[in-house]
N, C-alpha and C. Protein backbone atom coordinates (compact mmCIF):
# COMPACT_ATOMS: atom_id res chain seq x y z
N UNK A 1 -73.49 -60.04 -24.05
CA UNK A 1 -73.28 -60.18 -25.48
C UNK A 1 -72.28 -61.29 -25.70
N UNK A 2 -72.67 -62.30 -26.40
CA UNK A 2 -71.81 -63.44 -26.66
C UNK A 2 -71.21 -63.31 -28.05
N UNK A 3 -69.97 -63.76 -28.15
CA UNK A 3 -69.27 -63.68 -29.43
C UNK A 3 -69.50 -64.96 -30.23
N UNK A 4 -69.65 -64.75 -31.47
CA UNK A 4 -69.78 -65.91 -32.36
C UNK A 4 -68.56 -65.97 -33.25
N UNK A 5 -68.32 -67.13 -33.84
CA UNK A 5 -67.13 -67.32 -34.66
C UNK A 5 -67.17 -66.50 -35.94
N UNK A 6 -68.31 -66.21 -36.45
CA UNK A 6 -68.39 -65.53 -37.73
C UNK A 6 -68.49 -64.01 -37.59
N UNK A 7 -68.48 -63.46 -36.37
CA UNK A 7 -68.59 -62.02 -36.18
C UNK A 7 -67.20 -61.43 -35.93
N UNK A 8 -66.49 -61.10 -37.00
CA UNK A 8 -65.12 -60.59 -36.88
C UNK A 8 -65.08 -59.16 -36.36
N UNK A 9 -66.13 -58.39 -36.52
CA UNK A 9 -66.17 -57.01 -36.04
C UNK A 9 -66.18 -56.97 -34.51
N UNK A 10 -66.87 -57.89 -33.88
CA UNK A 10 -66.90 -57.93 -32.43
C UNK A 10 -65.51 -58.33 -31.88
N UNK A 11 -64.86 -59.28 -32.51
CA UNK A 11 -63.52 -59.70 -32.07
C UNK A 11 -62.51 -58.55 -32.19
N UNK A 12 -62.55 -57.84 -33.28
CA UNK A 12 -61.62 -56.73 -33.50
C UNK A 12 -61.86 -55.63 -32.48
N UNK A 13 -63.09 -55.34 -32.15
CA UNK A 13 -63.41 -54.29 -31.18
C UNK A 13 -62.92 -54.67 -29.79
N UNK A 14 -63.10 -55.94 -29.39
CA UNK A 14 -62.64 -56.39 -28.07
C UNK A 14 -61.11 -56.31 -27.99
N UNK A 15 -60.42 -56.73 -29.03
CA UNK A 15 -58.95 -56.68 -29.05
C UNK A 15 -58.48 -55.24 -29.01
N UNK A 16 -59.10 -54.34 -29.71
CA UNK A 16 -58.71 -52.93 -29.73
C UNK A 16 -58.91 -52.30 -28.36
N UNK A 17 -60.04 -52.57 -27.71
CA UNK A 17 -60.30 -52.00 -26.38
C UNK A 17 -59.30 -52.55 -25.36
N UNK A 18 -59.03 -53.84 -25.40
CA UNK A 18 -58.09 -54.46 -24.46
C UNK A 18 -56.67 -53.92 -24.68
N UNK A 19 -56.27 -53.76 -25.93
CA UNK A 19 -54.94 -53.23 -26.24
C UNK A 19 -54.81 -51.78 -25.77
N UNK A 20 -55.82 -50.97 -26.01
CA UNK A 20 -55.79 -49.58 -25.57
C UNK A 20 -55.72 -49.50 -24.06
N UNK A 21 -56.51 -50.30 -23.36
CA UNK A 21 -56.50 -50.31 -21.91
C UNK A 21 -55.13 -50.73 -21.37
N UNK A 22 -54.53 -51.77 -21.94
CA UNK A 22 -53.21 -52.24 -21.50
C UNK A 22 -52.11 -51.24 -21.76
N UNK A 23 -52.11 -50.63 -22.96
CA UNK A 23 -51.08 -49.64 -23.28
C UNK A 23 -51.21 -48.39 -22.43
N UNK A 24 -52.46 -47.98 -22.11
CA UNK A 24 -52.62 -46.80 -21.26
C UNK A 24 -52.10 -47.05 -19.85
N UNK A 25 -52.24 -48.28 -19.35
CA UNK A 25 -51.71 -48.61 -18.03
C UNK A 25 -50.18 -48.59 -18.04
N UNK A 26 -49.57 -49.14 -19.10
CA UNK A 26 -48.11 -49.11 -19.21
C UNK A 26 -47.59 -47.68 -19.31
N UNK A 27 -48.30 -46.83 -20.05
CA UNK A 27 -47.89 -45.43 -20.19
C UNK A 27 -48.00 -44.71 -18.85
N UNK A 28 -49.05 -44.98 -18.07
CA UNK A 28 -49.24 -44.34 -16.78
C UNK A 28 -48.16 -44.80 -15.79
N UNK A 29 -47.79 -46.06 -15.83
CA UNK A 29 -46.73 -46.57 -14.95
C UNK A 29 -45.40 -45.91 -15.29
N UNK A 30 -45.10 -45.74 -16.56
CA UNK A 30 -43.84 -45.08 -16.95
C UNK A 30 -43.83 -43.62 -16.55
N UNK A 31 -44.97 -42.94 -16.61
CA UNK A 31 -45.05 -41.55 -16.16
C UNK A 31 -44.78 -41.44 -14.66
N UNK A 32 -45.35 -42.33 -13.88
CA UNK A 32 -45.13 -42.30 -12.43
C UNK A 32 -43.69 -42.64 -12.07
N UNK A 33 -43.09 -43.54 -12.80
CA UNK A 33 -41.71 -43.94 -12.51
C UNK A 33 -40.73 -42.83 -12.84
N UNK A 34 -40.99 -42.02 -13.85
CA UNK A 34 -40.08 -40.96 -14.27
C UNK A 34 -40.41 -39.61 -13.68
N UNK A 35 -41.30 -39.54 -12.74
CA UNK A 35 -41.69 -38.27 -12.15
C UNK A 35 -40.53 -37.72 -11.33
N UNK A 36 -40.22 -36.45 -11.49
CA UNK A 36 -39.06 -35.83 -10.86
C UNK A 36 -39.28 -35.54 -9.38
N UNK A 37 -40.45 -35.25 -8.96
CA UNK A 37 -40.70 -34.95 -7.56
C UNK A 37 -40.49 -33.49 -7.21
N UNK A 38 -40.16 -32.66 -8.15
CA UNK A 38 -40.03 -31.23 -7.89
C UNK A 38 -38.72 -30.81 -7.24
N UNK A 39 -37.71 -31.70 -7.09
CA UNK A 39 -36.44 -31.34 -6.49
C UNK A 39 -35.48 -30.87 -7.58
N UNK A 40 -34.60 -29.92 -7.27
CA UNK A 40 -33.67 -29.42 -8.28
C UNK A 40 -32.59 -30.44 -8.62
N UNK A 41 -32.02 -30.32 -9.82
CA UNK A 41 -30.92 -31.17 -10.24
C UNK A 41 -29.61 -30.40 -10.03
N UNK A 42 -28.55 -31.12 -9.67
CA UNK A 42 -27.25 -30.51 -9.41
C UNK A 42 -26.21 -31.17 -10.30
N UNK A 43 -25.36 -30.35 -10.88
CA UNK A 43 -24.26 -30.85 -11.69
C UNK A 43 -22.97 -30.30 -11.09
N UNK A 44 -22.41 -31.03 -10.10
CA UNK A 44 -21.22 -30.58 -9.39
C UNK A 44 -19.97 -31.23 -9.97
N UNK A 45 -18.84 -30.52 -9.92
CA UNK A 45 -17.59 -31.16 -10.37
C UNK A 45 -17.20 -32.26 -9.38
N UNK A 46 -16.83 -33.40 -9.91
CA UNK A 46 -16.52 -34.55 -9.07
C UNK A 46 -15.14 -35.05 -9.42
N UNK A 47 -14.35 -35.34 -8.39
CA UNK A 47 -13.04 -35.96 -8.56
C UNK A 47 -12.95 -37.10 -7.56
N UNK A 48 -11.89 -37.92 -7.63
CA UNK A 48 -11.79 -39.02 -6.66
C UNK A 48 -11.67 -38.55 -5.22
N UNK A 49 -11.26 -37.27 -5.01
CA UNK A 49 -11.04 -36.77 -3.66
C UNK A 49 -12.07 -35.73 -3.25
N UNK A 50 -13.16 -35.58 -3.99
CA UNK A 50 -14.15 -34.56 -3.65
C UNK A 50 -15.22 -35.14 -2.74
N UNK A 51 -15.82 -34.24 -1.97
CA UNK A 51 -16.89 -34.63 -1.07
C UNK A 51 -17.91 -33.51 -1.07
N UNK A 52 -19.18 -33.85 -1.16
CA UNK A 52 -20.21 -32.83 -1.06
C UNK A 52 -21.45 -33.41 -0.39
N UNK A 53 -22.16 -32.50 0.26
CA UNK A 53 -23.39 -32.86 0.95
C UNK A 53 -24.47 -31.90 0.48
N UNK A 54 -25.62 -32.42 0.09
CA UNK A 54 -26.73 -31.60 -0.39
C UNK A 54 -27.92 -31.87 0.51
N UNK A 55 -28.47 -30.79 1.07
CA UNK A 55 -29.72 -30.87 1.82
C UNK A 55 -30.77 -30.16 0.98
N UNK A 56 -31.68 -30.92 0.36
CA UNK A 56 -32.67 -30.34 -0.55
C UNK A 56 -34.08 -30.68 -0.08
N UNK A 57 -34.95 -29.71 -0.22
CA UNK A 57 -36.37 -29.92 0.05
C UNK A 57 -37.15 -29.02 -0.91
N UNK A 58 -38.44 -29.02 -0.80
CA UNK A 58 -39.25 -28.20 -1.70
C UNK A 58 -39.09 -26.70 -1.40
N UNK A 59 -38.69 -26.37 -0.17
CA UNK A 59 -38.51 -24.96 0.19
C UNK A 59 -37.18 -24.39 -0.31
N UNK A 60 -36.15 -25.21 -0.47
CA UNK A 60 -34.85 -24.74 -0.92
C UNK A 60 -33.79 -25.81 -0.72
N UNK A 61 -32.53 -25.42 -0.86
CA UNK A 61 -31.45 -26.38 -0.72
C UNK A 61 -30.20 -25.68 -0.23
N UNK A 62 -29.26 -26.45 0.33
CA UNK A 62 -27.94 -25.96 0.72
C UNK A 62 -26.91 -27.01 0.31
N UNK A 63 -25.76 -26.52 -0.12
CA UNK A 63 -24.70 -27.40 -0.62
C UNK A 63 -23.42 -27.14 0.17
N UNK A 64 -22.81 -28.20 0.65
CA UNK A 64 -21.48 -28.13 1.26
C UNK A 64 -20.56 -28.95 0.37
N UNK A 65 -19.52 -28.30 -0.18
CA UNK A 65 -18.67 -28.97 -1.17
C UNK A 65 -17.21 -28.75 -0.82
N UNK A 66 -16.43 -29.84 -0.80
CA UNK A 66 -14.98 -29.76 -0.61
C UNK A 66 -14.33 -30.50 -1.76
N UNK A 67 -13.52 -29.81 -2.52
CA UNK A 67 -12.95 -30.40 -3.73
C UNK A 67 -11.80 -31.37 -3.42
N UNK A 68 -11.00 -31.08 -2.40
CA UNK A 68 -9.85 -31.92 -2.09
C UNK A 68 -10.03 -32.48 -0.69
N UNK A 69 -10.83 -33.51 -0.55
CA UNK A 69 -11.11 -34.06 0.77
C UNK A 69 -10.89 -35.56 0.75
N UNK A 70 -10.09 -36.14 1.57
CA UNK A 70 -9.36 -35.52 2.66
C UNK A 70 -8.11 -34.82 2.16
N UNK A 71 -7.72 -33.74 2.82
CA UNK A 71 -6.54 -33.00 2.38
C UNK A 71 -5.27 -33.76 2.69
N UNK A 72 -5.26 -34.50 3.78
CA UNK A 72 -4.12 -35.33 4.15
C UNK A 72 -4.61 -36.76 4.26
N UNK A 73 -3.95 -37.65 3.53
CA UNK A 73 -4.30 -39.06 3.56
C UNK A 73 -3.23 -39.82 4.34
N UNK A 74 -3.56 -41.02 4.75
CA UNK A 74 -2.64 -41.80 5.55
C UNK A 74 -2.53 -43.20 4.97
N UNK A 75 -1.30 -43.68 4.91
CA UNK A 75 -1.05 -45.03 4.44
C UNK A 75 -0.48 -45.83 5.61
N UNK A 76 -1.02 -46.99 5.86
CA UNK A 76 -0.56 -47.85 6.94
C UNK A 76 0.05 -49.11 6.36
N UNK A 77 1.17 -49.52 6.97
CA UNK A 77 1.86 -50.70 6.48
C UNK A 77 2.35 -51.50 7.68
N UNK A 78 2.05 -52.78 7.72
CA UNK A 78 2.50 -53.66 8.80
C UNK A 78 3.68 -54.48 8.31
N UNK A 79 4.77 -54.44 9.08
CA UNK A 79 5.97 -55.20 8.76
C UNK A 79 6.15 -56.25 9.86
N UNK A 80 6.23 -57.51 9.48
CA UNK A 80 6.39 -58.60 10.45
C UNK A 80 7.87 -58.97 10.47
N UNK A 81 8.49 -58.84 11.66
CA UNK A 81 9.89 -59.16 11.85
C UNK A 81 9.97 -60.45 12.65
N UNK A 82 10.53 -61.51 12.06
CA UNK A 82 10.64 -62.76 12.82
C UNK A 82 11.65 -62.61 13.95
N UNK A 83 11.29 -63.04 15.15
CA UNK A 83 12.15 -62.89 16.33
C UNK A 83 12.98 -64.15 16.58
N UNK A 84 12.49 -65.29 16.19
CA UNK A 84 13.26 -66.52 16.38
C UNK A 84 13.28 -66.95 17.83
N UNK A 85 14.43 -66.83 18.46
CA UNK A 85 14.58 -67.28 19.84
C UNK A 85 14.98 -68.74 19.86
N UNK A 86 15.23 -69.25 21.04
CA UNK A 86 15.61 -70.63 21.20
C UNK A 86 14.42 -71.53 20.89
N UNK A 87 14.55 -72.38 19.90
CA UNK A 87 13.50 -73.28 19.43
C UNK A 87 12.26 -72.52 18.96
N UNK A 88 12.45 -71.31 18.46
CA UNK A 88 11.31 -70.52 17.94
C UNK A 88 10.34 -70.09 19.02
N UNK A 89 10.86 -69.84 20.25
CA UNK A 89 9.96 -69.56 21.36
C UNK A 89 9.41 -68.14 21.35
N UNK A 90 10.07 -67.21 20.68
CA UNK A 90 9.58 -65.83 20.67
C UNK A 90 8.60 -65.62 19.52
N UNK A 91 7.61 -64.80 19.76
CA UNK A 91 6.64 -64.48 18.72
C UNK A 91 7.21 -63.43 17.79
N UNK A 92 6.70 -63.41 16.58
CA UNK A 92 7.13 -62.41 15.61
C UNK A 92 6.70 -61.02 16.07
N UNK A 93 7.53 -60.05 15.75
CA UNK A 93 7.26 -58.66 16.14
C UNK A 93 6.63 -57.94 14.94
N UNK A 94 5.54 -57.23 15.18
CA UNK A 94 4.86 -56.49 14.12
C UNK A 94 5.15 -55.01 14.30
N UNK A 95 5.69 -54.40 13.26
CA UNK A 95 5.98 -52.97 13.27
C UNK A 95 4.98 -52.30 12.35
N UNK A 96 4.28 -51.30 12.86
CA UNK A 96 3.30 -50.57 12.06
C UNK A 96 3.91 -49.25 11.63
N UNK A 97 3.91 -49.00 10.33
CA UNK A 97 4.41 -47.74 9.80
C UNK A 97 3.22 -46.91 9.32
N UNK A 98 3.24 -45.64 9.65
CA UNK A 98 2.21 -44.71 9.21
C UNK A 98 2.89 -43.63 8.38
N UNK A 99 2.34 -43.36 7.23
CA UNK A 99 2.87 -42.29 6.39
C UNK A 99 1.70 -41.42 5.95
N UNK A 100 1.85 -40.13 6.17
CA UNK A 100 0.83 -39.19 5.74
C UNK A 100 1.31 -38.48 4.49
N UNK A 101 0.40 -38.24 3.55
CA UNK A 101 0.76 -37.59 2.31
C UNK A 101 -0.46 -36.86 1.78
N UNK A 102 -0.20 -36.00 0.81
CA UNK A 102 -1.30 -35.26 0.17
C UNK A 102 -1.44 -35.75 -1.26
N UNK A 103 -2.41 -35.21 -1.96
CA UNK A 103 -2.67 -35.64 -3.33
C UNK A 103 -1.48 -35.33 -4.23
N UNK A 104 -0.73 -34.25 -3.93
CA UNK A 104 0.41 -33.87 -4.76
C UNK A 104 1.66 -34.68 -4.43
N UNK A 105 1.63 -35.46 -3.35
CA UNK A 105 2.76 -36.30 -3.00
C UNK A 105 3.69 -35.72 -1.97
N UNK A 106 3.38 -34.56 -1.40
CA UNK A 106 4.23 -34.01 -0.35
C UNK A 106 4.03 -34.83 0.92
N UNK A 107 5.13 -35.17 1.56
CA UNK A 107 5.03 -35.96 2.77
C UNK A 107 5.16 -35.03 3.96
N UNK A 108 4.35 -35.29 4.97
CA UNK A 108 4.38 -34.47 6.17
C UNK A 108 5.20 -35.20 7.22
N UNK A 109 6.29 -34.58 7.63
CA UNK A 109 7.12 -35.16 8.67
C UNK A 109 6.75 -34.53 10.00
N UNK A 110 7.11 -35.18 11.08
CA UNK A 110 6.83 -34.65 12.41
C UNK A 110 7.87 -33.57 12.70
N UNK A 111 7.41 -32.34 12.81
CA UNK A 111 8.31 -31.22 13.09
C UNK A 111 9.08 -30.83 11.85
N UNK A 112 9.89 -29.77 11.96
CA UNK A 112 10.66 -29.33 10.80
C UNK A 112 11.79 -30.31 10.51
N UNK A 113 11.84 -30.81 9.31
CA UNK A 113 12.87 -31.76 8.91
C UNK A 113 13.49 -31.33 7.60
N UNK A 114 14.56 -31.97 7.23
CA UNK A 114 15.26 -31.55 6.02
C UNK A 114 14.55 -31.98 4.76
N UNK A 115 13.60 -32.93 4.84
CA UNK A 115 12.88 -33.36 3.66
C UNK A 115 11.57 -32.61 3.46
N UNK A 116 11.21 -31.73 4.38
CA UNK A 116 9.96 -31.02 4.27
C UNK A 116 10.06 -30.00 3.16
N UNK A 117 9.14 -30.03 2.24
CA UNK A 117 9.20 -29.19 1.06
C UNK A 117 8.85 -27.75 1.41
N UNK A 118 9.67 -26.82 0.90
CA UNK A 118 9.40 -25.40 1.11
C UNK A 118 9.04 -24.72 -0.20
N UNK A 119 9.09 -25.46 -1.31
CA UNK A 119 8.78 -24.87 -2.62
C UNK A 119 7.68 -25.68 -3.28
N UNK A 120 7.56 -25.50 -4.60
CA UNK A 120 6.52 -26.17 -5.37
C UNK A 120 6.65 -27.68 -5.35
N UNK A 121 5.72 -28.35 -5.97
CA UNK A 121 5.63 -29.79 -5.91
C UNK A 121 6.25 -30.51 -7.08
N UNK A 122 7.47 -30.11 -7.52
CA UNK A 122 8.09 -30.81 -8.64
C UNK A 122 8.85 -32.06 -8.21
N UNK A 123 9.01 -32.27 -6.88
CA UNK A 123 9.64 -33.48 -6.38
C UNK A 123 11.16 -33.43 -6.33
N UNK A 124 11.77 -32.33 -6.72
CA UNK A 124 13.23 -32.21 -6.70
C UNK A 124 13.67 -31.50 -5.42
N UNK A 125 14.85 -31.86 -4.94
CA UNK A 125 15.40 -31.22 -3.75
C UNK A 125 15.95 -29.84 -4.12
N UNK A 126 15.78 -28.89 -3.21
CA UNK A 126 16.33 -27.56 -3.42
C UNK A 126 17.80 -27.55 -3.01
N UNK A 127 18.50 -26.47 -3.33
CA UNK A 127 19.92 -26.38 -2.96
C UNK A 127 20.08 -26.36 -1.44
N UNK A 128 19.16 -25.72 -0.74
CA UNK A 128 19.24 -25.70 0.72
C UNK A 128 19.05 -27.10 1.30
N UNK A 129 18.13 -27.88 0.73
CA UNK A 129 17.92 -29.24 1.22
C UNK A 129 19.14 -30.12 0.95
N UNK A 130 19.77 -29.94 -0.22
CA UNK A 130 20.97 -30.72 -0.53
C UNK A 130 22.10 -30.35 0.43
N UNK A 131 22.25 -29.05 0.71
CA UNK A 131 23.28 -28.61 1.66
C UNK A 131 23.00 -29.17 3.05
N UNK A 132 21.73 -29.20 3.45
CA UNK A 132 21.37 -29.76 4.76
C UNK A 132 21.66 -31.25 4.82
N UNK A 133 21.41 -31.96 3.71
CA UNK A 133 21.74 -33.39 3.68
C UNK A 133 23.23 -33.61 3.84
N UNK A 134 24.04 -32.79 3.18
CA UNK A 134 25.49 -32.93 3.30
C UNK A 134 25.96 -32.64 4.71
N UNK A 135 25.42 -31.59 5.31
CA UNK A 135 25.82 -31.23 6.68
C UNK A 135 25.37 -32.30 7.67
N UNK A 136 24.16 -32.84 7.48
CA UNK A 136 23.68 -33.89 8.38
C UNK A 136 24.52 -35.15 8.24
N UNK A 137 24.91 -35.50 7.02
CA UNK A 137 25.76 -36.67 6.81
C UNK A 137 27.14 -36.49 7.43
N UNK A 138 27.69 -35.30 7.26
CA UNK A 138 29.00 -35.03 7.86
C UNK A 138 28.91 -35.07 9.38
N UNK A 139 27.85 -34.49 9.93
CA UNK A 139 27.67 -34.52 11.39
C UNK A 139 27.49 -35.93 11.90
N UNK A 140 26.77 -36.77 11.14
CA UNK A 140 26.58 -38.16 11.56
C UNK A 140 27.90 -38.92 11.54
N UNK A 141 28.74 -38.66 10.53
CA UNK A 141 30.03 -39.34 10.46
C UNK A 141 30.96 -38.95 11.59
N UNK A 142 31.03 -37.65 11.86
CA UNK A 142 31.89 -37.19 12.95
C UNK A 142 31.35 -37.68 14.28
N UNK A 143 30.03 -37.61 14.46
CA UNK A 143 29.44 -38.09 15.71
C UNK A 143 29.68 -39.57 15.94
N UNK A 144 29.59 -40.37 14.86
CA UNK A 144 29.84 -41.80 14.99
C UNK A 144 31.29 -42.06 15.40
N UNK A 145 32.23 -41.31 14.82
CA UNK A 145 33.64 -41.50 15.18
C UNK A 145 33.89 -41.11 16.63
N UNK A 146 33.33 -40.00 17.06
CA UNK A 146 33.51 -39.56 18.45
C UNK A 146 32.83 -40.54 19.42
N UNK A 147 31.61 -41.00 19.06
CA UNK A 147 30.92 -41.95 19.92
C UNK A 147 31.66 -43.26 20.05
N UNK A 148 32.22 -43.77 18.93
CA UNK A 148 32.99 -45.02 18.99
C UNK A 148 34.26 -44.84 19.81
N UNK A 149 34.92 -43.69 19.64
CA UNK A 149 36.15 -43.44 20.41
C UNK A 149 35.85 -43.34 21.90
N UNK A 150 34.75 -42.65 22.23
CA UNK A 150 34.40 -42.51 23.65
C UNK A 150 34.03 -43.85 24.25
N UNK A 151 33.29 -44.66 23.52
CA UNK A 151 32.91 -45.98 24.04
C UNK A 151 34.13 -46.88 24.18
N UNK A 152 35.06 -46.80 23.23
CA UNK A 152 36.27 -47.62 23.30
C UNK A 152 37.15 -47.19 24.47
N UNK A 153 37.20 -45.89 24.73
CA UNK A 153 38.06 -45.35 25.80
C UNK A 153 37.48 -45.60 27.18
N UNK A 154 36.18 -45.39 27.35
CA UNK A 154 35.62 -45.38 28.70
C UNK A 154 34.79 -46.63 29.05
N UNK A 155 34.10 -47.22 28.09
CA UNK A 155 33.18 -48.31 28.42
C UNK A 155 33.79 -49.68 28.09
N UNK A 156 34.46 -49.80 26.94
CA UNK A 156 34.98 -51.11 26.51
C UNK A 156 35.96 -51.73 27.50
N UNK A 157 36.89 -50.99 28.12
CA UNK A 157 37.81 -51.65 29.06
C UNK A 157 37.09 -52.26 30.27
N UNK A 158 36.03 -51.61 30.72
CA UNK A 158 35.36 -52.16 31.91
C UNK A 158 34.50 -53.38 31.56
N UNK A 159 33.89 -53.42 30.37
CA UNK A 159 33.07 -54.58 30.03
C UNK A 159 33.90 -55.72 29.45
N UNK A 160 35.12 -55.44 28.99
CA UNK A 160 35.95 -56.52 28.44
C UNK A 160 36.47 -57.45 29.52
N UNK A 161 36.41 -57.02 30.77
CA UNK A 161 36.89 -57.88 31.86
C UNK A 161 35.83 -58.90 32.30
N UNK A 162 34.65 -58.88 31.67
CA UNK A 162 33.63 -59.89 31.98
C UNK A 162 34.11 -61.23 31.43
N UNK A 163 34.09 -62.27 32.26
CA UNK A 163 34.59 -63.56 31.77
C UNK A 163 33.76 -64.11 30.60
N UNK A 164 34.37 -64.74 29.68
CA UNK A 164 33.86 -65.46 28.52
C UNK A 164 33.24 -64.53 27.47
N UNK A 165 32.37 -63.61 27.83
CA UNK A 165 31.68 -62.76 26.84
C UNK A 165 32.18 -61.32 26.85
N UNK A 166 33.28 -61.06 27.49
CA UNK A 166 33.78 -59.68 27.59
C UNK A 166 34.15 -59.08 26.25
N UNK A 167 34.75 -59.87 25.38
CA UNK A 167 35.15 -59.36 24.07
C UNK A 167 33.92 -59.01 23.23
N UNK A 168 32.82 -59.77 23.37
CA UNK A 168 31.59 -59.48 22.66
C UNK A 168 30.95 -58.20 23.22
N UNK A 169 30.97 -58.09 24.54
CA UNK A 169 30.37 -56.91 25.18
C UNK A 169 31.13 -55.64 24.83
N UNK A 170 32.46 -55.71 24.73
CA UNK A 170 33.21 -54.50 24.38
C UNK A 170 32.96 -54.11 22.92
N UNK A 171 32.81 -55.08 22.04
CA UNK A 171 32.46 -54.77 20.64
C UNK A 171 31.07 -54.17 20.54
N UNK A 172 30.12 -54.74 21.30
CA UNK A 172 28.76 -54.19 21.31
C UNK A 172 28.76 -52.75 21.84
N UNK A 173 29.54 -52.48 22.89
CA UNK A 173 29.60 -51.13 23.45
C UNK A 173 30.17 -50.15 22.44
N UNK A 174 31.17 -50.56 21.69
CA UNK A 174 31.75 -49.67 20.68
C UNK A 174 30.76 -49.37 19.56
N UNK A 175 30.07 -50.39 19.08
CA UNK A 175 29.08 -50.19 18.02
C UNK A 175 27.91 -49.34 18.52
N UNK A 176 27.47 -49.60 19.76
CA UNK A 176 26.37 -48.81 20.33
C UNK A 176 26.78 -47.34 20.48
N UNK A 177 28.01 -47.10 20.92
CA UNK A 177 28.50 -45.73 21.05
C UNK A 177 28.58 -45.03 19.71
N UNK A 178 29.00 -45.76 18.66
CA UNK A 178 29.08 -45.18 17.32
C UNK A 178 27.68 -44.83 16.80
N UNK A 179 26.74 -45.70 17.05
CA UNK A 179 25.38 -45.45 16.57
C UNK A 179 24.76 -44.24 17.26
N UNK A 180 24.84 -44.20 18.58
CA UNK A 180 24.27 -43.07 19.32
C UNK A 180 25.03 -41.78 19.02
N UNK A 181 26.33 -41.87 18.87
CA UNK A 181 27.12 -40.68 18.52
C UNK A 181 26.75 -40.14 17.15
N UNK A 182 26.46 -41.04 16.19
CA UNK A 182 26.02 -40.60 14.86
C UNK A 182 24.69 -39.88 14.92
N UNK A 183 23.76 -40.40 15.73
CA UNK A 183 22.46 -39.74 15.85
C UNK A 183 22.60 -38.35 16.48
N UNK A 184 23.40 -38.26 17.53
CA UNK A 184 23.61 -36.96 18.18
C UNK A 184 24.33 -36.00 17.24
N UNK A 185 25.33 -36.48 16.53
CA UNK A 185 26.06 -35.62 15.59
C UNK A 185 25.16 -35.10 14.47
N UNK A 186 24.28 -35.95 13.95
CA UNK A 186 23.36 -35.52 12.90
C UNK A 186 22.39 -34.46 13.42
N UNK A 187 21.84 -34.67 14.61
CA UNK A 187 20.91 -33.69 15.19
C UNK A 187 21.60 -32.36 15.46
N UNK A 188 22.82 -32.42 15.96
CA UNK A 188 23.56 -31.18 16.23
C UNK A 188 23.87 -30.44 14.94
N UNK A 189 24.24 -31.16 13.89
CA UNK A 189 24.54 -30.52 12.61
C UNK A 189 23.31 -29.86 12.03
N UNK A 190 22.16 -30.53 12.10
CA UNK A 190 20.91 -29.92 11.61
C UNK A 190 20.55 -28.69 12.41
N UNK A 191 20.73 -28.76 13.72
CA UNK A 191 20.40 -27.61 14.56
C UNK A 191 21.34 -26.45 14.30
N UNK A 192 22.64 -26.72 14.20
CA UNK A 192 23.63 -25.66 14.04
C UNK A 192 23.49 -24.96 12.69
N UNK A 193 23.20 -25.72 11.66
CA UNK A 193 23.08 -25.14 10.32
C UNK A 193 21.65 -24.74 9.98
N UNK A 194 20.76 -24.76 10.95
CA UNK A 194 19.37 -24.31 10.81
C UNK A 194 18.65 -25.04 9.67
N UNK A 195 18.72 -26.36 9.71
CA UNK A 195 18.04 -27.17 8.69
C UNK A 195 16.71 -27.66 9.21
């Protein structure tokens, strides 16, 4: 059947059939694209720290959900300490710091320490923690004094007799004794006062 220019009924019929055919194909494609597939929908609570795993099939499903995951997070920080040396011959030293914390901000220290929280998460020190800080500070001060005195009495006279650098070595020995004595005094104070 050939179309002629003066037969408007034939033109309208061809356009109508072509439009219907095209629209039905577009409608069928949209139906296939939006098909659900028969799997269930899940509306789980989600937070920045939540984790869940869903195993779903046509036979059923299982859900594993953890609201606060990971429970302990870790922050890593690299500190570069320039070493210098003669003519810059030593390489810089890199110190890696690791800090573990939770979502509430409590920090986990290695072993029982005076900063370990024993109460709620308001961020304030308790009276026991303040008392432990005072005792640890006092122990560090007394330990530093005893360590410096012991180093001055027993070590400094023997290293001061070294030619040219003896005075530097005796000062270093005194400072080293004070530092180590402060550490020992602080640890003893924490242990004695059960902090």
